[in-house]
Protein backbone atom coordinates (compact mmCIF):
# COMPACT_ATOMS: atom_id res chain seq x y z
CA MET A 1 115.38 26.12 31.81
CA ALA A 2 114.84 26.98 35.43
CA ASP A 3 112.38 25.12 37.63
CA GLY A 4 110.24 28.25 37.66
CA ASP A 5 109.48 27.79 33.97
CA VAL A 6 106.17 26.27 33.01
CA ARG A 7 106.80 22.53 33.40
CA GLY A 8 104.46 21.63 30.59
CA SER A 9 105.77 24.12 28.04
CA LEU A 10 107.35 22.77 24.89
CA ALA A 11 110.62 24.56 25.65
CA ALA A 12 110.77 23.00 29.12
CA LYS A 13 110.15 19.53 27.68
CA VAL A 14 112.80 19.92 24.98
CA ASP A 15 115.23 21.30 27.56
CA ARG A 16 114.63 18.33 29.88
CA LEU A 17 115.35 15.93 27.03
CA PHE A 18 118.64 17.62 26.12
CA SER A 19 119.75 18.01 29.72
CA THR A 20 118.79 14.48 30.81
CA VAL A 21 119.34 12.10 27.89
CA ARG A 22 123.11 12.09 27.39
CA ARG A 23 125.67 10.77 24.95
CA SER A 24 127.47 7.58 25.78
CA PRO A 25 130.18 7.01 26.91
CA ASP A 26 131.19 10.56 27.90
CA GLY A 27 127.84 11.59 29.38
CA ASP A 28 127.84 15.01 27.73
CA GLU A 29 124.73 16.65 26.34
CA TYR A 30 124.03 16.09 22.68
CA THR A 31 124.70 19.17 20.60
CA PHE A 32 121.96 20.63 18.43
CA GLU A 33 124.09 19.72 15.41
CA GLU A 34 124.35 16.06 16.51
CA VAL A 35 120.61 15.77 17.03
CA ALA A 36 119.78 17.43 13.70
CA ALA A 37 122.26 15.16 11.86
CA ALA A 38 120.97 12.01 13.57
CA ILE A 39 117.35 12.89 12.75
CA LYS A 40 118.34 13.43 9.10
CA GLU A 41 120.22 10.09 9.07
CA ARG A 42 117.15 8.29 10.40
CA GLY A 43 115.03 9.78 7.63
CA GLY A 44 113.11 12.05 9.98
CA ALA A 45 111.78 15.51 9.29
CA THR A 46 114.32 18.06 8.12
CA ILE A 47 115.29 20.09 11.17
CA SER A 48 118.20 22.45 11.71
CA ALA A 49 120.42 22.87 14.74
CA THR A 50 119.24 26.49 14.95
CA TYR A 51 115.60 25.41 14.99
CA LEU A 52 116.33 22.92 17.79
CA TRP A 53 118.02 25.71 19.78
CA GLN A 54 114.99 27.94 19.20
CA LEU A 55 112.64 25.20 20.43
CA ARG A 56 114.75 24.65 23.55
CA LYS A 57 114.89 28.38 24.32
CA GLY A 58 111.18 28.92 23.67
CA LEU A 59 111.78 31.21 20.69
CA ARG A 60 109.77 28.80 18.54
CA ASP A 61 106.81 26.96 19.98
CA ASN A 62 104.77 25.53 17.12
CA PRO A 63 106.76 22.73 15.48
CA THR A 64 105.14 20.28 13.12
CA LYS A 65 103.98 16.90 14.35
CA ARG A 66 106.77 15.35 12.23
CA HIS A 67 109.39 17.45 14.04
CA LEU A 68 108.10 16.32 17.43
CA GLU A 69 107.95 12.70 16.30
CA ALA A 70 111.55 12.94 15.06
CA LEU A 71 112.67 14.42 18.40
CA ALA A 72 110.80 11.70 20.28
CA ASP A 73 112.43 9.04 18.11
CA PHE A 74 115.90 10.48 18.69
CA PHE A 75 115.47 10.69 22.47
CA ASP A 76 113.74 7.28 22.55
CA ILE A 77 110.50 8.46 24.15
CA PRO A 78 106.90 8.17 22.98
CA PRO A 79 105.69 11.16 20.90
CA ALA A 80 102.83 11.45 23.42
CA TYR A 81 105.37 13.18 25.70
CA PHE A 82 104.72 16.36 23.72
CA PHE A 83 100.93 16.01 23.51
CA ASP A 84 99.66 14.29 26.67
CA ASP A 85 100.32 15.87 30.09
CA ALA A 86 99.82 12.60 31.98
CA GLU A 87 102.29 10.82 29.71
CA ALA A 88 104.72 13.74 30.01
CA GLU A 89 104.54 13.51 33.81
CA ARG A 90 105.30 9.77 33.71
CA ILE A 91 108.23 10.26 31.35
CA ASP A 92 109.55 13.20 33.39
CA ALA A 93 109.68 10.89 36.43
CA GLU A 94 111.72 8.40 34.40
CA LEU A 95 114.01 11.19 33.20
CA ALA A 96 114.55 12.35 36.80
CA LEU A 97 115.51 8.79 37.74
CA LEU A 98 117.86 8.59 34.76
CA ALA A 99 119.54 11.84 35.84
CA ALA A 100 119.90 10.63 39.45
CA LEU A 101 121.41 7.33 38.35
CA ARG A 102 124.19 9.14 36.47
CA ASP A 103 125.68 9.85 39.91
CA ALA A 104 127.92 6.85 40.64
CA SER A 105 127.26 6.98 44.40
CA VAL A 106 123.49 7.01 43.91
CA ARG A 107 123.79 4.14 41.44
CA GLN A 108 125.90 2.10 43.92
CA ILE A 109 123.32 2.59 46.68
CA ALA A 110 120.48 1.59 44.35
CA LEU A 111 122.31 -1.54 43.19
CA ARG A 112 123.15 -2.57 46.74
CA ALA A 113 119.54 -2.16 47.81
CA ARG A 114 118.32 -4.49 45.09
CA GLY A 115 116.79 -7.65 46.51
CA LEU A 116 116.19 -6.26 50.01
CA SER A 117 112.82 -6.75 51.64
CA GLU A 118 110.19 -4.01 51.54
CA ARG A 119 110.75 -3.47 55.27
CA SER A 120 114.50 -2.97 54.76
CA LEU A 121 113.91 -0.63 51.81
CA ASP A 122 111.51 1.44 53.93
CA ALA A 123 114.16 1.71 56.65
CA ILE A 124 116.74 2.88 54.09
CA LYS A 125 114.29 5.46 52.69
CA ASP A 126 113.71 6.75 56.24
CA MET A 127 117.47 7.01 56.83
CA VAL A 128 118.00 8.88 53.56
CA ASP A 129 115.15 11.28 54.39
CA HIS A 130 116.68 11.90 57.83
CA VAL A 131 120.14 12.59 56.39
CA ARG A 132 118.64 14.94 53.77
CA GLU A 133 116.94 16.81 56.61
CA LEU A 134 120.23 17.01 58.55
CA GLU A 135 121.96 18.42 55.47
CA GLY A 136 119.19 20.96 54.90
CA LEU A 137 118.07 19.36 51.63
CA PRO A 138 114.40 19.26 50.61
CA GLY A 139 112.38 16.11 51.14
CA PRO A 140 111.49 13.88 48.22
CA SER A 141 109.29 15.39 45.52
CA ALA A 142 106.07 13.75 44.42
CA GLU A 143 107.79 12.29 41.35
CA GLU A 144 110.53 10.76 43.52
CA GLU A 145 107.93 9.11 45.73
CA ASN A 146 106.43 7.17 42.80
């Protein structure tokens, strides 16, 4: 899904889950087959790999509550992600952080900053913003600020 897609659409939410929550230890995306099999193993609603693909692509947009609950269980998020826009926004911010922390350099910076004073953290944020500006990158989004 591109950023231009409707952020709150079901397809966009399903896409964010697949693209952000990754397999361990290789970090690859889960396949539709893996998700369908894991949901079946957990006793969740019967769901096919094809149906998951259709949900992600927006070709299907009216799954049952049980399907959404099974997806939420698999991706370890509250089912409210699919029903409550405020909850979806909060979870999307956590997913963005998860995606950023997959980058080893970002993770190293975050770990090194742990324990610093608020004043020092503010100085680091200012430096990062300045370097992003020098490199022509956009400033932090609203979800990154929270």
